[in-house]
Amino acid sequence: MIKAFLVLKFVYRTILRDLVIAAIDNPDSDIDDFVIKLLDRLFDYDS
């Protein structure tokens, strides 16, 4: 279980974060900032 989470964290850092940002990037919405902050906390992403 822990190894799977470490793999997910790596995939998020390298690929998924940029894809999520591109998918939800809407200047009229605050939900994109909320989702990115939530995912960053979940995957321990340090920008």
Protein backbone atom coordinates (compact mmCIF):
# COMPACT_ATOMS: atom_id res chain seq x y z
CA MET A 1 0.00 0.00 0.00
CA ILE A 2 2.76 2.44 0.92
CA LYS A 3 4.73 1.62 -2.23
CA ALA A 4 1.65 2.25 -4.36
CA PHE A 5 1.16 5.65 -2.73
CA LEU A 6 4.82 6.53 -3.35
CA VAL A 7 4.36 5.66 -7.02
CA LEU A 8 1.21 7.81 -7.16
CA LYS A 9 3.10 10.72 -5.58
CA PHE A 10 5.85 10.38 -8.19
CA VAL A 11 3.34 10.23 -11.05
CA TYR A 12 1.52 13.28 -9.66
CA ARG A 13 4.73 15.29 -9.41
CA THR A 14 5.92 14.40 -12.90
CA ILE A 15 2.80 14.14 -15.05
CA LEU A 16 -0.59 14.49 -13.44
CA ARG A 17 -0.24 17.91 -11.81
CA ASP A 18 0.29 19.69 -15.13
CA LEU A 19 -2.56 17.76 -16.73
CA VAL A 20 -4.92 18.61 -13.87
CA ILE A 21 -3.99 22.29 -14.04
CA ALA A 22 -4.56 22.34 -17.80
CA ALA A 23 -7.88 20.53 -17.44
CA ILE A 24 -9.36 22.82 -14.77
CA ASP A 25 -7.69 26.11 -15.63
CA ASN A 26 -10.55 28.60 -15.72
CA PRO A 27 -9.84 32.20 -14.73
CA ASP A 28 -13.48 32.74 -13.71
CA SER A 29 -13.51 29.89 -11.20
CA ASP A 30 -11.93 29.53 -7.78
CA ILE A 31 -12.42 25.77 -7.76
CA ASP A 32 -9.19 25.21 -9.68
CA ASP A 33 -7.10 26.77 -6.90
CA PHE A 34 -8.97 24.72 -4.31
CA VAL A 35 -8.46 21.45 -6.18
CA ILE A 36 -4.77 22.06 -6.82
CA LYS A 37 -4.14 22.98 -3.17
CA LEU A 38 -6.01 19.87 -2.06
CA LEU A 39 -4.07 17.60 -4.42
CA ASP A 40 -0.77 19.25 -3.46
CA ARG A 41 -1.45 18.53 0.21
CA LEU A 42 -2.56 14.98 -0.54
CA PHE A 43 0.56 14.19 -2.56
CA ASP A 44 3.00 16.31 -0.47
CA TYR A 45 3.91 18.49 -3.44
CA ASP A 46 6.26 21.39 -2.70
CA SER A 47 6.17 24.02 -5.42
